[in-house]
């Protein structure tokens, strides 16, 4: 049984910073990658950042240069450092982990609210 537990959301002014954490438990050895998605009201869930087992990263264009994803394999935890936050970053942020064997399967956290005020 895999569980993903997020923390670190909150309210911040534009230009500020937040750090999200996602602690994984269970069969974490099966993960191909972990990452963060977000969903704003009335919009589809979108990828923010991913980090693979080898440390390779992928970012949405809208957050490149402002957000940094990292992971601590010893703690089975992934982080999202968010700097220079903008009101358009306001959303519920979801931790994600997936495996591809024997088939693609995604695990999700419960979500954490990030609100950026102007």
Protein backbone atom coordinates (compact mmCIF):
# COMPACT_ATOMS: atom_id res chain seq x y z
CA UNK A 1 0.00 0.00 0.00
CA UNK A 2 1.51 3.28 -1.14
CA UNK A 3 0.77 6.54 0.62
CA UNK A 4 1.84 10.03 -0.36
CA UNK A 5 1.48 12.73 2.30
CA UNK A 6 2.00 16.36 1.34
CA UNK A 7 2.78 19.31 3.57
CA UNK A 8 3.94 22.89 3.25
CA UNK A 9 1.14 24.68 1.46
CA UNK A 10 -0.27 27.99 2.62
CA UNK A 11 -0.85 31.64 1.87
CA UNK A 12 1.99 33.81 0.62
CA UNK A 13 2.32 37.20 -1.02
CA UNK A 14 3.45 37.52 -4.62
CA UNK A 15 7.22 37.29 -4.83
CA UNK A 16 7.41 35.06 -1.79
CA UNK A 17 8.51 31.45 -1.40
CA UNK A 18 7.11 28.16 -0.17
CA UNK A 19 8.48 24.65 0.04
CA UNK A 20 6.24 21.65 -0.41
CA UNK A 21 7.16 18.21 0.88
CA UNK A 22 5.79 14.81 -0.05
CA UNK A 23 6.64 11.81 2.09
CA UNK A 24 6.09 8.42 0.48
CA UNK A 25 5.56 5.12 2.24
CA UNK A 26 4.97 1.60 1.04
CA UNK A 27 6.41 0.08 -2.13
CA UNK A 28 8.43 3.13 -3.07
CA UNK A 29 11.09 1.01 -4.81
CA UNK A 30 8.63 0.54 -7.67
CA UNK A 31 8.45 4.24 -8.52
CA UNK A 32 9.83 5.37 -11.85
CA UNK A 33 9.46 9.02 -10.95
CA UNK A 34 7.87 11.38 -8.46
CA UNK A 35 6.58 14.84 -9.00
CA UNK A 36 4.05 17.57 -8.52
CA UNK A 37 0.91 18.52 -10.37
CA UNK A 38 -1.46 21.40 -9.71
CA UNK A 39 -5.06 22.20 -10.37
CA UNK A 40 -6.53 25.68 -10.27
CA UNK A 41 -10.30 26.27 -10.03
CA UNK A 42 -11.98 25.60 -13.34
CA UNK A 43 -8.81 24.27 -14.94
CA UNK A 44 -7.38 20.86 -15.69
CA UNK A 45 -4.68 19.31 -13.56
CA UNK A 46 -1.28 20.11 -15.03
CA UNK A 47 2.25 18.90 -14.55
CA UNK A 48 4.51 21.21 -12.55
CA UNK A 49 7.71 19.20 -12.14
CA UNK A 50 8.97 15.60 -12.21
CA UNK A 51 12.13 13.94 -10.95
CA UNK A 52 13.26 10.50 -12.05
CA UNK A 53 15.13 7.89 -10.11
CA UNK A 54 18.40 9.06 -11.63
CA UNK A 55 17.74 12.64 -10.64
CA UNK A 56 16.70 13.86 -14.07
CA UNK A 57 14.11 16.63 -13.88
CA UNK A 58 11.36 18.06 -16.04
CA UNK A 59 9.51 21.34 -15.49
CA UNK A 60 6.52 23.11 -16.91
CA UNK A 61 7.58 26.16 -18.89
CA UNK A 62 5.58 28.40 -16.56
CA UNK A 63 7.72 27.49 -13.53
CA UNK A 64 11.19 27.09 -15.05
CA UNK A 65 13.74 29.20 -13.23
CA UNK A 66 11.42 29.70 -10.24
CA UNK A 67 10.66 26.20 -8.95
CA UNK A 68 13.11 23.45 -8.05
CA UNK A 69 12.22 19.81 -7.49
CA UNK A 70 14.48 17.56 -5.45
CA UNK A 71 14.29 14.25 -3.64
CA UNK A 72 15.83 12.61 -0.62
CA UNK A 73 15.92 8.91 -1.42
CA UNK A 74 16.87 7.98 2.14
CA UNK A 75 13.67 9.58 3.39
CA UNK A 76 11.50 8.70 0.37
CA UNK A 77 10.59 12.37 0.22
CA UNK A 78 10.30 14.76 -2.69
CA UNK A 79 10.38 18.53 -2.33
CA UNK A 80 9.22 21.46 -4.42
CA UNK A 81 10.93 24.75 -3.66
CA UNK A 82 8.81 27.55 -5.09
CA UNK A 83 10.33 31.00 -5.39
CA UNK A 84 9.11 34.24 -6.95
CA UNK A 85 5.55 33.04 -6.59
CA UNK A 86 2.85 34.65 -8.72
CA UNK A 87 -0.92 34.83 -8.21
CA UNK A 88 -1.31 32.47 -11.17
CA UNK A 89 0.54 29.81 -9.17
CA UNK A 90 -2.51 29.59 -6.89
CA UNK A 91 -3.82 26.03 -7.02
CA UNK A 92 -4.11 22.77 -5.16
CA UNK A 93 -0.78 21.00 -5.53
CA UNK A 94 -0.76 17.21 -5.70
CA UNK A 95 2.15 14.90 -5.15
CA UNK A 96 2.41 12.14 -7.73
CA UNK A 97 4.40 8.95 -8.08
CA UNK A 98 4.09 6.39 -10.83
CA UNK A 99 5.34 3.01 -11.90
CA UNK A 100 5.29 1.52 -15.36
CA UNK A 101 5.62 -2.18 -14.59
CA UNK A 102 3.58 -4.20 -15.22
CA UNK A 103 1.58 -1.21 -16.45
CA UNK A 104 1.41 2.51 -15.82
CA UNK A 105 -0.13 3.23 -12.44
CA UNK A 106 -0.26 6.61 -10.72
CA UNK A 107 -0.40 7.29 -7.02
CA UNK A 108 -1.66 10.62 -5.69
CA UNK A 109 -1.49 12.56 -2.48
CA UNK A 110 -4.47 14.33 -0.98
CA UNK A 111 -3.38 17.76 -2.21
CA UNK A 112 -2.23 20.92 -0.48
CA UNK A 113 -3.53 24.41 -1.16
CA UNK A 114 -1.14 27.12 -2.29
CA UNK A 115 -2.56 30.63 -2.44
CA UNK A 116 -0.54 33.56 -3.72
CA UNK A 117 -1.98 37.00 -3.05
CA UNK A 118 -1.23 40.01 -5.22
